[in-house]
C-alpha cells in the first residue's frame, strides 16, 4: 500500500493540497444536504466524463435521460469553457466542473456516474477517499472503451467501483471472473454511445487512423525529456502518413485520411505534417464519434475504438509494429486475441498495410465474412437500447448480468 501511495503522490500538485481544505469545509454541508435528500425521499444523480468533454457514454446517457426521463434528478458536470459545453447545456441541469456545487453534489449524490476513473472534483484526494478509505463509493463506471486486456488499474482493489458497465459478453465474463468485483457489480448492458452509432452515416471518401497511446510517451512522461522523433511510434506513423503510394492514391481518389492520436499523445500533434488529403486532428478539432461514424475504414493498433467501428460492421485494420514492447511495458493480453478475435487483418509492415488499405477502398469497404461472424459473436447485444438498459439499472436496480 505504501508503494501505491507513493506512486499516487507523484501526480499531486500544490493546488491539489489546497483541495483538502475545500473538502474539509464542504464535507459537513454536503452530509447535511445528503440527509435532507433522504428525508424528502429525493435521489440525486451526477454524470460526467473528462471535465472538457461531452461526447462519450456519459453524454449519451445524459442526453437520453434528459430527453425521455426529464423529471429524474440527473445533472452533468463539465467545464463551461469546453468546446462541448453548448452541446450539453441545452439539456439543462449543468454543473460547473470543480465548483463548490460540484463538490457538494458529488459528496451527496445517490450515484456518481462517470466514463473515467477520475470523474470527481479532485482525483488525487478522491483516490485516497475511494480506494484507501473506501468512502463515497457509490460510483458507476460507464467506461470509455471496451476492456479487452489485463488492465490491472481496473481491478476492484484499485478502483472500488460500485458498478462496472460492460459492452461485450466476453468482456463481461472476463472482468467478472478476474478483476475481483463483488457479485452483481459487473453488468452487461452495452455502452450508451453505441446507440448513436446506429446512425452510421458513412462517407466513402473518408478514412481514419486512430492509434492508442504509449505510457512511456504519454502521461507518465511529465518530468522526462523525450526525443520524440527517435521513438518508433513517431517514425512508423510519420512514415505511413508520408507514404508515396498511399498519398498518390488518396489524392487521385479525393479521399481524406484523418490521423487522430490518443488524447495522451495529442501533445505531439505538431510533429506530424498535414497535406491536402491528410488531416492531423485532436479532440479539440473534431468530435471523435462523428469522425468514427463518417469514416469508411479504420486503421488502429491496439485501441478499443476498433470495437466501436466493428459495432457498425465496417472494416478495421491493425498496424502493430511494436507489439512486444507494448505488451511488455503497457498492457498484457487478456481474453481478446487479435489473431483469433480481431475484426481485421494485422500488419507490421508499412507497404503491406498500404496495399491492404487501397484494396479495401477499391472493394467498396467490404468486410470479409469471417470478420462479420466475429463481430456478431462478440456483440450479443447489438441494438439501440443501450442507454435504456443503463438507465433502468441506475433507477430501478434491475439485474442485467
Protein backbone atom coordinates (compact mmCIF):
# COMPACT_ATOMS: atom_id res chain seq x y z
CA UNK A 1 0.00 0.00 0.00
CA UNK A 2 2.87 2.38 0.83
CA UNK A 3 4.27 1.92 -2.69
CA UNK A 4 0.84 2.67 -4.21
CA UNK A 5 0.52 5.83 -2.15
CA UNK A 6 3.99 6.95 -3.27
CA UNK A 7 3.05 6.27 -6.92
CA UNK A 8 -0.10 8.35 -6.47
CA UNK A 9 1.77 11.21 -4.82
CA UNK A 10 3.93 11.86 -7.88
CA UNK A 11 0.85 13.23 -9.67
CA UNK A 12 -0.14 15.54 -6.80
CA UNK A 13 0.47 19.27 -7.26
CA UNK A 14 0.31 22.16 -4.79
CA UNK A 15 -3.19 23.07 -5.98
CA UNK A 16 -4.32 19.52 -5.09
CA UNK A 17 -3.20 20.01 -1.49
CA UNK A 18 -5.37 23.13 -1.32
CA UNK A 19 -8.36 20.98 -2.31
CA UNK A 20 -8.10 19.13 1.00
CA UNK A 21 -9.20 22.31 2.76
CA UNK A 22 -12.15 22.67 0.39
CA UNK A 23 -13.13 19.09 1.22
CA UNK A 24 -12.95 19.77 4.97
CA UNK A 25 -15.05 22.92 4.62
CA UNK A 26 -17.62 21.38 2.30
CA UNK A 27 -17.99 17.97 3.98
CA UNK A 28 -20.49 18.92 6.70
CA UNK A 29 -22.82 20.92 4.38
CA UNK A 30 -22.68 18.03 1.90
CA UNK A 31 -23.65 15.46 4.52
CA UNK A 32 -26.48 17.70 5.71
CA UNK A 33 -27.74 18.03 2.14
CA UNK A 34 -27.45 14.28 1.67
CA UNK A 35 -29.55 13.74 4.81
CA UNK A 36 -32.10 16.29 3.58
CA UNK A 37 -32.46 14.46 0.26
CA UNK A 38 -33.03 11.23 2.16
CA UNK A 39 -35.69 12.82 4.38
CA UNK A 40 -37.67 14.17 1.42
CA UNK A 41 -37.08 10.90 -0.47
CA UNK A 42 -35.35 12.58 -3.39
CA UNK A 43 -32.48 10.98 -5.30
CA UNK A 44 -29.64 12.87 -6.94
CA UNK A 45 -27.52 11.55 -9.81
CA UNK A 46 -24.36 13.14 -11.17
CA UNK A 47 -22.85 12.27 -14.57
CA UNK A 48 -19.53 13.34 -16.04
CA UNK A 49 -16.76 12.43 -18.47
CA UNK A 50 -13.46 14.22 -18.86
CA UNK A 51 -14.03 17.78 -17.49
CA UNK A 52 -13.67 19.21 -21.00
CA UNK A 53 -15.83 16.78 -22.95
CA UNK A 54 -19.38 15.68 -23.60
CA UNK A 55 -19.10 13.07 -26.35
CA UNK A 56 -18.82 9.69 -24.64
CA UNK A 57 -21.06 7.29 -22.72
CA UNK A 58 -21.80 9.90 -20.06
CA UNK A 59 -23.06 12.45 -22.55
CA UNK A 60 -25.20 9.98 -24.49
CA UNK A 61 -26.71 8.59 -21.29
CA UNK A 62 -27.45 12.11 -20.04
CA UNK A 63 -28.94 13.10 -23.40
CA UNK A 64 -31.23 10.04 -23.32
CA UNK A 65 -32.36 10.72 -19.75
CA UNK A 66 -33.00 14.43 -20.30
CA UNK A 67 -34.95 13.59 -23.45
CA UNK A 68 -37.12 10.74 -22.16
CA UNK A 69 -36.97 10.98 -18.35
CA UNK A 70 -36.62 14.68 -17.68
CA UNK A 71 -38.31 14.53 -14.27
CA UNK A 72 -35.49 12.42 -12.86
CA UNK A 73 -32.88 14.37 -10.91
CA UNK A 74 -29.81 13.93 -13.15
CA UNK A 75 -27.03 16.52 -13.51
CA UNK A 76 -23.97 16.79 -15.76
CA UNK A 77 -20.64 18.27 -14.66
CA UNK A 78 -18.48 19.97 -17.29
CA UNK A 79 -16.04 22.83 -17.71
CA UNK A 80 -18.00 25.85 -19.11
CA UNK A 81 -15.03 26.61 -21.38
CA UNK A 82 -15.14 23.17 -23.00
CA UNK A 83 -15.95 23.06 -26.71
CA UNK A 84 -18.79 20.60 -25.97
CA UNK A 85 -20.38 22.82 -23.33
CA UNK A 86 -23.06 24.33 -25.59
CA UNK A 87 -23.95 20.90 -26.92
CA UNK A 88 -24.80 19.54 -23.48
CA UNK A 89 -26.06 22.79 -21.94
CA UNK A 90 -29.25 22.70 -23.99
CA UNK A 91 -30.40 19.68 -21.98
CA UNK A 92 -30.26 21.66 -18.72
CA UNK A 93 -29.06 20.62 -15.23
CA UNK A 94 -25.45 21.58 -15.90
CA UNK A 95 -22.90 22.00 -13.11
CA UNK A 96 -19.54 23.72 -13.44
CA UNK A 97 -16.87 21.07 -13.06
CA UNK A 98 -14.77 21.72 -9.95
CA UNK A 99 -17.14 24.32 -8.48
CA UNK A 100 -18.35 24.21 -4.87
CA UNK A 101 -21.69 23.00 -6.17
CA UNK A 102 -19.91 20.15 -7.92
CA UNK A 103 -18.21 19.19 -4.64
CA UNK A 104 -21.50 19.27 -2.73
CA UNK A 105 -23.40 17.28 -5.36
CA UNK A 106 -20.59 14.74 -5.71
CA UNK A 107 -20.46 14.12 -1.96
CA UNK A 108 -24.23 13.94 -1.56
CA UNK A 109 -25.23 12.14 -4.78
CA UNK A 110 -27.17 8.89 -4.73
CA UNK A 111 -24.94 7.71 -7.57
CA UNK A 112 -21.89 9.24 -9.24
CA UNK A 113 -21.70 8.08 -12.84
CA UNK A 114 -18.62 8.56 -14.99
CA UNK A 115 -16.78 7.27 -18.04
CA UNK A 116 -13.44 7.88 -16.31
CA UNK A 117 -11.83 6.70 -13.11
CA UNK A 118 -11.07 10.34 -12.27
CA UNK A 119 -14.67 11.52 -12.61
CA UNK A 120 -14.66 13.71 -9.49
CA UNK A 121 -13.72 17.27 -8.38
CA UNK A 122 -10.15 16.28 -7.42
CA UNK A 123 -8.69 12.89 -8.46
CA UNK A 124 -5.74 12.65 -6.00
CA UNK A 125 -7.91 13.39 -2.96
CA UNK A 126 -10.80 11.18 -4.01
CA UNK A 127 -8.47 8.35 -4.97
CA UNK A 128 -7.46 8.19 -1.31
CA UNK A 129 -11.06 8.51 -0.14
CA UNK A 130 -12.41 5.91 -2.57
CA UNK A 131 -9.63 3.32 -2.75
CA UNK A 132 -7.74 3.51 0.53
CA UNK A 133 -10.56 4.60 2.87
CA UNK A 134 -13.43 3.02 0.90
CA UNK A 135 -15.59 6.14 1.32
CA UNK A 136 -18.24 7.61 -1.01
CA UNK A 137 -18.14 4.52 -3.20
CA UNK A 138 -21.50 4.92 -4.87
CA UNK A 139 -19.82 5.11 -8.27
CA UNK A 140 -20.99 3.64 -11.56
CA UNK A 141 -18.21 3.25 -14.11
CA UNK A 142 -19.56 3.52 -17.66
CA UNK A 143 -16.08 3.01 -19.16
CA UNK A 144 -14.87 4.85 -22.27
CA UNK A 145 -13.70 1.76 -24.12
CA UNK A 146 -14.35 -1.96 -24.03
CA UNK A 147 -11.86 -3.66 -21.70
CA UNK A 148 -10.00 -6.37 -23.58
CA UNK A 149 -6.60 -6.56 -21.85
CA UNK A 150 -5.44 -7.45 -18.37
CA UNK A 151 -5.97 -3.86 -17.18
CA UNK A 152 -4.72 -4.09 -13.59
CA UNK A 153 -5.59 -0.47 -12.87
CA UNK A 154 -9.22 -1.51 -13.23
CA UNK A 155 -9.12 -4.29 -10.63
CA UNK A 156 -11.63 -3.75 -7.84
CA UNK A 157 -8.85 -3.28 -5.27
CA UNK A 158 -7.59 -0.34 -7.37
CA UNK A 159 -10.95 1.33 -8.06
CA UNK A 160 -13.64 0.21 -5.56
CA UNK A 161 -16.29 0.96 -8.19
CA UNK A 162 -19.78 0.03 -7.07
CA UNK A 163 -20.79 -0.94 -10.60
CA UNK A 164 -18.97 -1.51 -13.90
CA UNK A 165 -20.90 -1.40 -17.20
CA UNK A 166 -19.71 -3.71 -19.99
CA UNK A 167 -20.50 -3.64 -23.71
CA UNK A 168 -19.50 -7.16 -24.81
CA UNK A 169 -20.28 -10.59 -23.38
CA UNK A 170 -16.66 -11.81 -23.35
CA UNK A 171 -15.60 -8.58 -21.65
CA UNK A 172 -18.29 -9.02 -19.01
CA UNK A 173 -17.31 -12.62 -18.28
CA UNK A 174 -13.60 -11.73 -18.13
CA UNK A 175 -13.99 -8.79 -15.72
CA UNK A 176 -16.45 -10.67 -13.54
CA UNK A 177 -14.09 -13.62 -13.21
CA UNK A 178 -10.70 -11.90 -12.96
CA UNK A 179 -10.99 -8.35 -11.63
CA UNK A 180 -12.23 -9.12 -8.11
CA UNK A 181 -15.54 -7.24 -8.14
CA UNK A 182 -18.28 -8.32 -5.69
CA UNK A 183 -21.06 -10.46 -7.14
CA UNK A 184 -23.56 -8.42 -9.13
CA UNK A 185 -21.25 -5.40 -9.54
CA UNK A 186 -20.40 -6.10 -13.18
CA UNK A 187 -23.26 -5.54 -15.64
CA UNK A 188 -23.61 -6.43 -19.31
CA UNK A 189 -25.76 -3.59 -20.64
CA UNK A 190 -23.97 -2.09 -23.63
CA UNK A 191 -22.44 1.38 -23.98
CA UNK A 192 -24.87 4.33 -24.23
CA UNK A 193 -22.78 5.87 -27.02
CA UNK A 194 -23.35 2.78 -29.17
CA UNK A 195 -26.96 3.90 -29.67
CA UNK A 196 -25.66 6.82 -31.72
CA UNK A 197 -23.53 4.53 -33.90
CA UNK A 198 -26.69 3.13 -35.44
CA UNK A 199 -26.97 6.31 -37.48
CA UNK A 200 -23.92 5.10 -39.45
CA UNK A 201 -23.73 7.94 -41.98
CA UNK A 202 -20.59 6.67 -43.69
CA UNK A 203 -18.63 8.82 -46.13
CA UNK A 204 -16.74 6.62 -48.61
CA UNK A 205 -14.26 9.44 -49.18
CA UNK A 206 -13.06 9.43 -45.57
CA UNK A 207 -10.81 7.02 -43.64
CA UNK A 208 -9.19 7.33 -40.21
CA UNK A 209 -6.04 6.26 -38.38
CA UNK A 210 -6.55 6.13 -34.60
CA UNK A 211 -3.63 4.66 -32.64
CA UNK A 212 -3.73 4.28 -28.88
CA UNK A 213 -1.20 5.86 -26.52
CA UNK A 214 2.13 4.60 -25.21
CA UNK A 215 2.63 5.06 -21.48
CA UNK A 216 6.35 5.63 -21.99
CA UNK A 217 5.45 8.62 -24.16
CA UNK A 218 2.16 9.75 -22.62
CA UNK A 219 1.04 10.79 -19.14
CA UNK A 220 3.96 9.17 -17.30
CA UNK A 221 6.46 11.44 -19.05
CA UNK A 222 5.54 14.75 -17.40
CA UNK A 223 9.02 15.14 -15.91
CA UNK A 224 11.02 13.33 -18.57
CA UNK A 225 12.76 14.58 -21.66
CA UNK A 226 11.52 12.66 -24.69
CA UNK A 227 13.32 12.67 -28.02
CA UNK A 228 10.06 12.01 -29.81
CA UNK A 229 11.49 11.91 -33.33
CA UNK A 230 13.70 8.98 -32.37
CA UNK A 231 10.78 6.98 -30.98
CA UNK A 232 9.40 4.08 -33.03
CA UNK A 233 5.85 5.41 -32.63
CA UNK A 234 6.74 8.66 -34.42
CA UNK A 235 8.94 7.08 -37.07
CA UNK A 236 6.37 4.45 -38.07
CA UNK A 237 3.34 6.74 -38.20
CA UNK A 238 5.22 9.60 -39.80
CA UNK A 239 6.47 7.23 -42.48
CA UNK A 240 2.98 5.87 -43.07
CA UNK A 241 1.46 9.34 -43.38
CA UNK A 242 4.15 10.25 -45.90
CA UNK A 243 3.98 7.01 -47.86
CA UNK A 244 4.11 7.99 -51.54
CA UNK A 245 1.84 5.20 -52.77
CA UNK A 246 -0.78 5.96 -50.13
CA UNK A 247 -0.71 9.70 -50.75
CA UNK A 248 -0.97 9.28 -54.51
CA UNK A 249 -3.99 7.04 -54.09
CA UNK A 250 -5.70 9.43 -51.67
CA UNK A 251 -5.09 12.40 -53.97
CA UNK A 252 -6.23 10.58 -57.09
CA UNK A 253 -9.47 9.42 -55.46
CA UNK A 254 -10.17 12.55 -53.38
CA UNK A 255 -10.10 10.57 -50.13
CA UNK A 256 -9.37 12.38 -46.86
CA UNK A 257 -7.35 10.48 -44.24
CA UNK A 258 -7.69 11.72 -40.66
CA UNK A 259 -4.89 10.98 -38.19
CA UNK A 260 -6.35 11.16 -34.68
CA UNK A 261 -3.84 10.33 -31.89
CA UNK A 262 -4.98 9.26 -28.44
CA UNK A 263 -5.59 12.19 -26.06
CA UNK A 264 -2.39 11.35 -24.13
CA UNK A 265 -0.41 11.62 -27.37
CA UNK A 266 -2.01 14.75 -28.77
CA UNK A 267 0.71 16.93 -27.28
CA UNK A 268 2.86 15.60 -30.15
CA UNK A 269 0.40 16.71 -32.82
CA UNK A 270 2.74 19.29 -34.37
CA UNK A 271 5.38 16.68 -35.12
CA UNK A 272 3.15 15.40 -37.91
CA UNK A 273 2.55 17.40 -41.09
CA UNK A 274 -0.77 17.89 -42.81
CA UNK A 275 -1.28 17.70 -46.56
CA UNK A 276 -4.25 18.28 -48.81
CA UNK A 277 -5.60 14.80 -48.16
CA UNK A 278 -4.15 14.04 -44.73
CA UNK A 279 -5.52 15.91 -41.72
CA UNK A 280 -3.93 15.76 -38.24
CA UNK A 281 -6.75 16.27 -35.73
CA UNK A 282 -7.41 16.11 -31.98
CA UNK A 283 -10.49 16.08 -29.79
CA UNK A 284 -10.31 19.89 -29.82
CA UNK A 285 -10.72 19.91 -33.60
CA UNK A 286 -13.37 17.28 -34.18
CA UNK A 287 -15.98 15.16 -32.40
CA UNK A 288 -14.46 11.69 -32.11
CA UNK A 289 -17.77 9.87 -32.52
CA UNK A 290 -18.70 11.91 -35.56
CA UNK A 291 -15.30 11.00 -37.02
CA UNK A 292 -15.91 7.31 -36.38
CA UNK A 293 -19.44 7.34 -37.76
CA UNK A 294 -18.45 9.06 -41.00
CA UNK A 295 -15.23 7.15 -41.72
CA UNK A 296 -15.41 4.15 -44.04
CA UNK A 297 -12.21 2.42 -42.86
CA UNK A 298 -10.26 2.47 -39.60
CA UNK A 299 -6.57 1.73 -39.09
CA UNK A 300 -5.57 1.33 -35.45
CA UNK A 301 -3.08 -0.64 -33.39
CA UNK A 302 -4.38 -1.84 -30.01
CA UNK A 303 -7.11 0.70 -29.37
CA UNK A 304 -10.54 -0.47 -28.25
CA UNK A 305 -12.01 2.19 -30.55
CA UNK A 306 -11.85 -0.54 -33.20
CA UNK A 307 -14.75 -2.14 -31.35
CA UNK A 308 -16.95 0.92 -31.88
CA UNK A 309 -16.09 0.69 -35.56
CA UNK A 310 -16.80 -3.03 -35.69
CA UNK A 311 -20.15 -2.42 -33.97
CA UNK A 312 -21.13 -0.62 -37.20
CA UNK A 313 -19.80 -3.57 -39.23
CA UNK A 314 -17.18 -1.50 -41.02
CA UNK A 315 -13.62 -2.66 -41.93
CA UNK A 316 -10.75 -2.44 -39.45
CA UNK A 317 -7.01 -2.94 -39.94
CA UNK A 318 -4.41 -3.31 -37.17
CA UNK A 319 -0.91 -1.83 -37.51
CA UNK A 320 1.10 -3.47 -34.71
CA UNK A 321 4.76 -2.74 -35.35
CA UNK A 322 5.67 -2.63 -31.63
CA UNK A 323 3.57 -5.45 -30.23
CA UNK A 324 6.28 -6.91 -27.95
CA UNK A 325 7.16 -3.52 -26.49
CA UNK A 326 3.51 -2.65 -25.95
CA UNK A 327 2.77 -5.92 -24.16
CA UNK A 328 5.87 -5.65 -22.01
CA UNK A 329 5.51 -2.00 -20.99
CA UNK A 330 1.79 -1.23 -21.08
CA UNK A 331 -0.97 -3.85 -21.16
CA UNK A 332 -0.73 -7.61 -21.03
CA UNK A 333 -3.13 -9.65 -23.15
CA UNK A 334 -6.46 -10.54 -21.61
CA UNK A 335 -9.25 -12.58 -23.20
CA UNK A 336 -9.00 -10.81 -26.56
CA UNK A 337 -6.57 -12.16 -29.17
CA UNK A 338 -6.14 -10.02 -32.28
CA UNK A 339 -5.27 -13.15 -34.27
CA UNK A 340 -8.28 -15.17 -33.09
CA UNK A 341 -10.83 -12.49 -32.20
CA UNK A 342 -9.76 -9.37 -34.12
CA UNK A 343 -12.05 -7.67 -36.61
CA UNK A 344 -9.48 -7.26 -39.37
CA UNK A 345 -6.03 -8.18 -40.62
CA UNK A 346 -2.86 -7.44 -38.63
CA UNK A 347 0.17 -5.78 -40.22
CA UNK A 348 3.69 -4.96 -39.05
CA UNK A 349 4.99 -3.90 -42.45
CA UNK A 350 4.03 -0.48 -43.80
CA UNK A 351 3.99 -1.38 -47.51
CA UNK A 352 1.76 -4.41 -46.94
CA UNK A 353 -0.57 -2.27 -44.86
CA UNK A 354 -0.81 0.36 -47.59
CA UNK A 355 -1.63 -2.33 -50.17
CA UNK A 356 -4.49 -3.57 -47.99
CA UNK A 357 -5.81 -0.05 -47.35
CA UNK A 358 -6.01 0.51 -51.11
CA UNK A 359 -7.51 -2.95 -51.63
CA UNK A 360 -10.31 -2.28 -49.15
CA UNK A 361 -11.05 1.13 -50.68
CA UNK A 362 -11.15 -0.41 -54.16
CA UNK A 363 -13.57 -3.10 -52.96
CA UNK A 364 -16.04 -0.56 -51.62
CA UNK A 365 -15.05 -1.16 -47.99
CA UNK A 366 -16.46 -4.66 -47.87
CA UNK A 367 -15.90 -6.59 -44.63
CA UNK A 368 -14.80 -10.20 -45.02
CA UNK A 369 -17.28 -12.83 -43.90
CA UNK A 370 -15.07 -14.23 -41.14
CA UNK A 371 -14.77 -10.81 -39.54
CA UNK A 372 -18.52 -10.22 -39.76
CA UNK A 373 -19.01 -13.53 -37.94
CA UNK A 374 -16.57 -12.46 -35.23
CA UNK A 375 -18.39 -9.15 -34.81
CA UNK A 376 -21.78 -10.81 -34.45
CA UNK A 377 -20.40 -13.28 -31.91
CA UNK A 378 -18.63 -10.56 -29.91
CA UNK A 379 -21.67 -8.27 -29.67
CA UNK A 380 -24.59 -10.36 -28.43
CA UNK A 381 -26.26 -7.04 -27.68
CA UNK A 382 -26.23 -5.00 -30.88
CA UNK A 383 -29.16 -2.59 -30.87
CA UNK A 384 -30.09 0.96 -29.91
CA UNK A 385 -31.34 0.18 -26.40
CA UNK A 386 -28.06 0.57 -24.51
CA UNK A 387 -28.93 3.87 -22.80
CA UNK A 388 -32.31 2.48 -21.80
CA UNK A 389 -30.75 -0.57 -20.13
CA UNK A 390 -28.19 1.52 -18.25
CA UNK A 391 -30.86 4.00 -17.15
CA UNK A 392 -33.10 1.22 -15.84
CA UNK A 393 -30.22 -0.32 -13.93
CA UNK A 394 -29.49 3.03 -12.26
CA UNK A 395 -33.08 3.92 -11.42
CA UNK A 396 -34.78 0.57 -10.84
CA UNK A 397 -31.84 -1.57 -9.88
CA UNK A 398 -32.84 -4.18 -12.42
CA UNK A 399 -30.47 -7.11 -12.80
CA UNK A 400 -28.74 -7.35 -16.18
CA UNK A 401 -25.89 -9.76 -15.54
